[in-house]
């Protein structure tokens, strides 16, 4: 394998202060196929990227996720290296990310920013939020991928054909991670460096808003990969709500002497709904487990035929 087999994809939005240096560093390392997806920058990002020798196009929609999805339809290489254009990721880590692909150990590789993170690269709030999201991912999807929000990744273009990517914003990294687990795509985590943004470079990330979006994305995607958690959590919430209303109705009846028939009916409905959701979650989980087992058998059979 060679650097010519790799397409470097860089989604950008007002990254004029850093994009030129990022592209030039990749060119110096032999990666000539650089594709910049611009989200409508107004600071000259596109012109700098073109002058630096990259292919540039303006995305048809908005958001990082939409930019990545559109870029995947324009890639003409077997391997994809994806990173942000803000100068926080080092082109020098490219080989570490691509090595598991070239050696056939994985189809998707995630760069773990926390392995070699500069002390000033991430605020305490962002560190805390990343930790919560990574732990939640491990609980929901039963897999530790180290840093699911990392924007520095390498993967085979063929592996993306199995992924159902729909996120438009910063939830795209979460979606990549969940979809890899759901489809059984071999995924490896490698340590990378993570540096502070250079002076004059402003972040497009809004910690509270985008963090909430990522958590909602993570929870929404649990519906397909861990339905017992998804429907079970809603069911438990419904049961607890119904029971709390029932306690209040009982208190009002026995202590105050006032009846609340409608509220009593609603509490009963909440408990019944919760029980039904729990049962549906169990059945859905059984179906998902059966589907995984059948897929694994099919893959083993297919691999056996290929070896013959």
Protein backbone atom coordinates (compact mmCIF):
# COMPACT_ATOMS: atom_id res chain seq x y z
CA UNK A 1 0.00 0.00 0.00
CA UNK A 2 1.09 3.59 -0.62
CA UNK A 3 0.08 7.14 0.19
CA UNK A 4 -1.49 7.38 -3.28
CA UNK A 5 -4.15 4.90 -2.13
CA UNK A 6 -5.32 7.38 0.52
CA UNK A 7 -7.73 10.31 0.26
CA UNK A 8 -7.37 12.88 3.05
CA UNK A 9 -10.80 14.40 3.78
CA UNK A 10 -10.92 17.69 5.68
CA UNK A 11 -14.30 19.33 6.47
CA UNK A 12 -13.81 23.04 7.11
CA UNK A 13 -15.62 26.18 8.16
CA UNK A 14 -13.59 29.37 8.48
CA UNK A 15 -10.21 27.68 8.99
CA UNK A 16 -8.07 30.15 7.00
CA UNK A 17 -5.55 30.42 9.84
CA UNK A 18 -4.63 26.73 9.71
CA UNK A 19 -5.86 24.93 6.58
CA UNK A 20 -2.88 25.86 4.40
CA UNK A 21 -0.33 24.44 6.84
CA UNK A 22 -2.35 21.25 7.31
CA UNK A 23 -2.55 20.56 3.57
CA UNK A 24 1.11 21.36 2.98
CA UNK A 25 2.19 18.99 5.76
CA UNK A 26 0.22 16.17 4.19
CA UNK A 27 1.72 16.90 0.78
CA UNK A 28 5.20 16.79 2.32
CA UNK A 29 4.41 13.33 3.66
CA UNK A 30 3.33 12.11 0.21
CA UNK A 31 -0.44 12.45 0.56
CA UNK A 32 -1.32 14.35 -2.60
CA UNK A 33 -5.01 13.42 -2.70
CA UNK A 34 -6.50 15.97 -0.29
CA UNK A 35 -10.21 16.75 -0.46
CA UNK A 36 -11.48 19.83 1.40
CA UNK A 37 -15.22 20.08 2.03
CA UNK A 38 -16.09 23.67 2.86
CA UNK A 39 -19.21 24.67 4.75
CA UNK A 40 -19.43 28.16 3.27
CA UNK A 41 -16.39 29.88 4.78
CA UNK A 42 -16.18 33.66 4.54
CA UNK A 43 -12.52 34.07 5.52
CA UNK A 44 -10.78 32.76 2.40
CA UNK A 45 -10.47 29.13 3.51
CA UNK A 46 -11.39 27.78 0.07
CA UNK A 47 -8.91 29.97 -1.77
CA UNK A 48 -6.07 29.02 0.60
CA UNK A 49 -6.91 25.33 0.28
CA UNK A 50 -6.93 25.52 -3.53
CA UNK A 51 -3.66 27.44 -3.60
CA UNK A 52 -2.17 24.71 -1.37
CA UNK A 53 -3.06 22.05 -3.94
CA UNK A 54 -6.21 20.51 -2.48
CA UNK A 55 -9.42 19.65 -4.29
CA UNK A 56 -12.16 21.86 -2.84
CA UNK A 57 -15.92 21.85 -3.08
CA UNK A 58 -18.67 23.62 -1.12
CA UNK A 59 -21.07 21.26 0.59
CA UNK A 60 -24.69 21.40 -0.53
CA UNK A 61 -26.05 21.42 3.02
CA UNK A 62 -24.73 22.49 6.42
CA UNK A 63 -22.97 20.83 9.33
CA UNK A 64 -19.92 18.60 9.65
CA UNK A 65 -21.91 15.39 9.36
CA UNK A 66 -23.49 16.42 6.08
CA UNK A 67 -20.08 17.48 4.77
CA UNK A 68 -18.56 14.07 5.57
CA UNK A 69 -21.46 12.16 4.02
CA UNK A 70 -21.24 14.21 0.84
CA UNK A 71 -17.46 13.80 0.71
CA UNK A 72 -17.81 10.01 0.80
CA UNK A 73 -19.64 10.15 -2.53
CA UNK A 74 -16.69 11.96 -4.16
CA UNK A 75 -13.77 9.88 -2.90
CA UNK A 76 -11.81 7.93 -5.49
CA UNK A 77 -9.37 6.08 -3.20
CA UNK A 78 -9.43 2.80 -1.31
CA UNK A 79 -8.55 4.35 2.06
CA UNK A 80 -9.86 7.48 3.76
CA UNK A 81 -8.10 9.62 6.34
CA UNK A 82 -10.50 12.10 7.97
CA UNK A 83 -9.55 14.98 10.24
CA UNK A 84 -10.43 18.57 11.11
CA UNK A 85 -8.60 21.45 9.48
CA UNK A 86 -8.03 23.44 12.68
CA UNK A 87 -4.44 22.32 13.25
CA UNK A 88 -5.18 20.33 16.41
CA UNK A 89 -4.39 17.00 14.72
CA UNK A 90 -0.91 16.17 13.45
CA UNK A 91 -0.39 14.87 9.91
CA UNK A 92 2.54 12.97 11.40
CA UNK A 93 0.07 10.58 13.07
CA UNK A 94 -1.38 9.52 9.71
CA UNK A 95 0.80 6.41 9.38
CA UNK A 96 -0.19 5.18 12.86
CA UNK A 97 -3.85 5.45 11.89
CA UNK A 98 -3.41 3.81 8.49
CA UNK A 99 -1.18 0.94 9.61
CA UNK A 100 -4.03 -1.26 10.97
CA UNK A 101 -5.84 -0.84 7.63
CA UNK A 102 -2.79 -1.66 5.54
CA UNK A 103 -2.03 -4.72 7.65
CA UNK A 104 -5.65 -5.93 7.46
CA UNK A 105 -6.23 -5.79 11.23
CA UNK A 106 -9.11 -3.33 11.02
CA UNK A 107 -11.46 -1.51 8.66
CA UNK A 108 -11.97 1.52 10.89
CA UNK A 109 -9.36 3.19 13.10
CA UNK A 110 -10.01 5.85 15.75
CA UNK A 111 -7.32 8.21 17.00
CA UNK A 112 -7.36 8.46 20.79
CA UNK A 113 -6.73 12.14 21.62
CA UNK A 114 -6.38 11.49 25.34
CA UNK A 115 -3.26 9.38 24.84
CA UNK A 116 -1.02 12.33 23.91
CA UNK A 117 -3.11 15.41 24.66
CA UNK A 118 -1.51 18.78 25.25
CA UNK A 119 -2.56 20.21 28.65
CA UNK A 120 -4.11 23.27 26.97
CA UNK A 121 -5.79 21.44 24.09
CA UNK A 122 -9.14 20.90 25.80
CA UNK A 123 -11.03 22.78 28.51
CA UNK A 124 -12.10 21.08 31.73
CA UNK A 125 -15.71 21.28 30.62
CA UNK A 126 -14.92 19.52 27.35
CA UNK A 127 -12.83 16.88 29.12
CA UNK A 128 -15.69 16.21 31.54
CA UNK A 129 -18.24 16.03 28.72
CA UNK A 130 -16.05 13.70 26.65
CA UNK A 131 -15.60 11.42 29.65
CA UNK A 132 -19.35 11.22 30.29
CA UNK A 133 -20.10 10.48 26.63
CA UNK A 134 -17.41 7.80 26.35
CA UNK A 135 -18.63 6.08 29.51
CA UNK A 136 -22.24 6.25 28.29
CA UNK A 137 -21.17 4.69 25.00
CA UNK A 138 -19.50 1.82 26.85
CA UNK A 139 -22.61 1.19 28.97
CA UNK A 140 -25.06 1.34 26.08
CA UNK A 141 -23.06 -0.47 23.40
CA UNK A 142 -20.85 -2.74 25.55
CA UNK A 143 -17.66 -1.64 23.82
CA UNK A 144 -14.80 0.61 24.87
CA UNK A 145 -13.54 2.60 21.88
CA UNK A 146 -11.49 5.03 23.94
CA UNK A 147 -12.44 8.30 22.29
CA UNK A 148 -15.62 8.04 20.21
CA UNK A 149 -15.69 11.81 19.58
CA UNK A 150 -12.28 11.89 17.94
CA UNK A 151 -12.32 13.60 14.56
CA UNK A 152 -9.11 11.92 13.38
CA UNK A 153 -10.00 8.59 11.80
CA UNK A 154 -8.91 6.23 9.06
CA UNK A 155 -11.15 3.70 7.36
CA UNK A 156 -11.65 1.75 4.18
CA UNK A 157 -14.11 3.28 1.75
CA UNK A 158 -15.80 -0.10 1.31
CA UNK A 159 -16.63 -0.27 5.04
CA UNK A 160 -18.77 2.87 4.80
CA UNK A 161 -21.16 1.11 2.42
CA UNK A 162 -22.60 -0.75 5.43
CA UNK A 163 -23.05 2.34 7.59
CA UNK A 164 -26.31 4.24 7.93
CA UNK A 165 -25.01 7.76 8.47
CA UNK A 166 -27.65 10.45 8.94
CA UNK A 167 -26.16 12.99 11.38
CA UNK A 168 -25.66 16.50 10.03
CA UNK A 169 -23.62 18.07 12.82
CA UNK A 170 -20.93 16.99 15.27
CA UNK A 171 -22.83 13.78 16.00
CA UNK A 172 -21.17 12.20 12.95
CA UNK A 173 -18.25 10.82 15.01
CA UNK A 174 -20.68 9.22 17.46
CA UNK A 175 -22.65 7.77 14.57
CA UNK A 176 -19.49 6.33 12.99
CA UNK A 177 -18.63 4.60 16.28
CA UNK A 178 -22.12 3.21 16.88
CA UNK A 179 -22.51 1.97 13.32
CA UNK A 180 -19.14 0.19 13.44
CA UNK A 181 -20.23 -1.67 16.57
CA UNK A 182 -23.68 -2.43 15.17
CA UNK A 183 -22.37 -3.86 11.91
CA UNK A 184 -19.46 -5.70 13.47
CA UNK A 185 -16.82 -3.71 11.58
CA UNK A 186 -13.33 -4.42 12.90
CA UNK A 187 -12.33 -1.26 14.76
CA UNK A 188 -9.01 -0.38 16.37
CA UNK A 189 -7.97 2.52 18.59
CA UNK A 190 -4.49 4.04 18.29
CA UNK A 191 -2.87 6.84 20.34
CA UNK A 192 -2.46 10.21 18.63
CA UNK A 193 -1.38 13.73 19.58
CA UNK A 194 -3.91 16.47 20.19
CA UNK A 195 -2.71 20.08 20.23
CA UNK A 196 -4.30 23.43 21.14
CA UNK A 197 -5.80 25.47 18.35
CA UNK A 198 -3.25 27.95 16.97
CA UNK A 199 -3.68 31.67 17.68
CA UNK A 200 -6.25 33.23 15.39
CA UNK A 201 -8.20 30.00 14.97
CA UNK A 202 -11.68 29.96 16.48
CA UNK A 203 -13.59 26.80 17.32
CA UNK A 204 -16.96 26.01 15.73
CA UNK A 205 -17.91 23.72 18.62
CA UNK A 206 -20.45 24.85 21.20
CA UNK A 207 -19.85 22.56 24.22
CA UNK A 208 -23.32 22.64 25.80
CA UNK A 209 -25.45 22.61 22.65
CA UNK A 210 -23.31 20.18 20.68
CA UNK A 211 -22.75 17.99 23.75
CA UNK A 212 -26.51 17.66 24.20
CA UNK A 213 -26.90 16.84 20.50
CA UNK A 214 -24.24 14.13 20.76
CA UNK A 215 -25.90 12.58 23.82
CA UNK A 216 -29.27 12.55 22.05
CA UNK A 217 -27.63 10.96 19.00
CA UNK A 218 -26.04 8.30 21.20
CA UNK A 219 -29.36 7.55 22.88
CA UNK A 220 -31.29 7.51 19.59
CA UNK A 221 -28.88 5.07 17.99
CA UNK A 222 -29.23 2.69 20.94
CA UNK A 223 -32.64 1.79 19.51
CA UNK A 224 -31.03 -0.39 16.84
CA UNK A 225 -27.95 -1.69 18.68
CA UNK A 226 -29.27 -2.09 22.23
CA UNK A 227 -33.09 -1.99 22.13
CA UNK A 228 -33.39 -3.38 25.66
CA UNK A 229 -31.62 -0.29 27.02
CA UNK A 230 -33.56 2.10 24.75
CA UNK A 231 -37.08 0.78 25.31
CA UNK A 232 -36.28 -0.43 28.82
CA UNK A 233 -35.23 3.03 29.98
CA UNK A 234 -38.42 4.56 28.61
CA UNK A 235 -40.46 1.74 30.15
CA UNK A 236 -38.88 2.16 33.58
CA UNK A 237 -39.49 5.92 33.41
CA UNK A 238 -43.15 5.31 32.54
CA UNK A 239 -43.57 2.79 35.38
CA UNK A 240 -41.95 5.09 37.95
CA UNK A 241 -44.06 8.03 36.79
CA UNK A 242 -47.23 5.95 37.00
CA UNK A 243 -46.34 4.71 40.47
CA UNK A 244 -45.57 8.23 41.73
CA UNK A 245 -48.95 9.45 40.43
CA UNK A 246 -50.61 6.44 42.08
CA UNK A 247 -48.98 7.28 45.43
CA UNK A 248 -50.21 10.87 45.14
CA UNK A 249 -53.74 9.72 44.26
CA UNK A 250 -53.75 7.30 47.23
CA UNK A 251 -52.56 10.05 49.57
CA UNK A 252 -55.27 12.43 48.38
CA UNK A 253 -57.92 9.71 48.82
CA UNK A 254 -56.94 8.30 52.23
CA UNK A 255 -55.60 11.47 53.92
CA UNK A 256 -57.41 14.39 52.34
CA UNK A 257 -60.55 12.53 51.29
CA UNK A 258 -60.57 13.73 47.68
CA UNK A 259 -60.70 11.27 44.79
CA UNK A 260 -58.94 11.74 41.46
CA UNK A 261 -60.36 9.09 39.14
CA UNK A 262 -58.79 10.52 35.99
CA UNK A 263 -55.33 10.71 37.55
CA UNK A 264 -55.75 7.16 38.85
CA UNK A 265 -56.53 5.98 35.33
CA UNK A 266 -53.48 7.82 33.98
CA UNK A 267 -51.22 6.25 36.59
CA UNK A 268 -52.49 2.79 35.66
CA UNK A 269 -51.97 3.56 31.98
CA UNK A 270 -48.40 4.70 32.67
CA UNK A 271 -47.55 1.48 34.52
CA UNK A 272 -49.09 -0.71 31.81
CA UNK A 273 -47.30 1.23 29.08
CA UNK A 274 -44.00 0.84 30.91
CA UNK A 275 -44.46 -2.92 31.29
CA UNK A 276 -45.30 -3.26 27.59
CA UNK A 277 -42.21 -1.26 26.61
CA UNK A 278 -40.03 -3.47 28.79
CA UNK A 279 -41.47 -6.57 27.13
CA UNK A 280 -40.98 -5.04 23.70
CA UNK A 281 -37.37 -4.21 24.60
CA UNK A 282 -36.69 -7.81 25.63
CA UNK A 283 -38.20 -9.18 22.40
CA UNK A 284 -36.30 -6.64 20.28
CA UNK A 285 -33.07 -7.54 22.03
CA UNK A 286 -33.65 -11.22 21.26
CA UNK A 287 -34.22 -10.39 17.59
CA UNK A 288 -31.06 -8.26 17.41
CA UNK A 289 -29.02 -11.02 19.07
CA UNK A 290 -30.39 -13.60 16.63
CA UNK A 291 -29.60 -11.32 13.71
CA UNK A 292 -25.99 -10.92 14.88
CA UNK A 293 -25.56 -14.67 15.24
CA UNK A 294 -26.94 -15.30 11.75
CA UNK A 295 -24.69 -12.59 10.30
CA UNK A 296 -21.65 -14.13 11.98
CA UNK A 297 -22.53 -17.58 10.64
CA UNK A 298 -22.95 -16.13 7.15
CA UNK A 299 -19.60 -14.34 7.36
CA UNK A 300 -17.86 -17.52 8.54
CA UNK A 301 -19.44 -19.48 5.70
CA UNK A 302 -18.47 -16.83 3.14
CA UNK A 303 -14.91 -16.62 4.46
CA UNK A 304 -14.63 -20.41 4.35
CA UNK A 305 -15.70 -20.49 0.72
CA UNK A 306 -13.23 -17.72 -0.14
CA UNK A 307 -10.39 -19.69 1.45
CA UNK A 308 -11.36 -22.81 -0.52
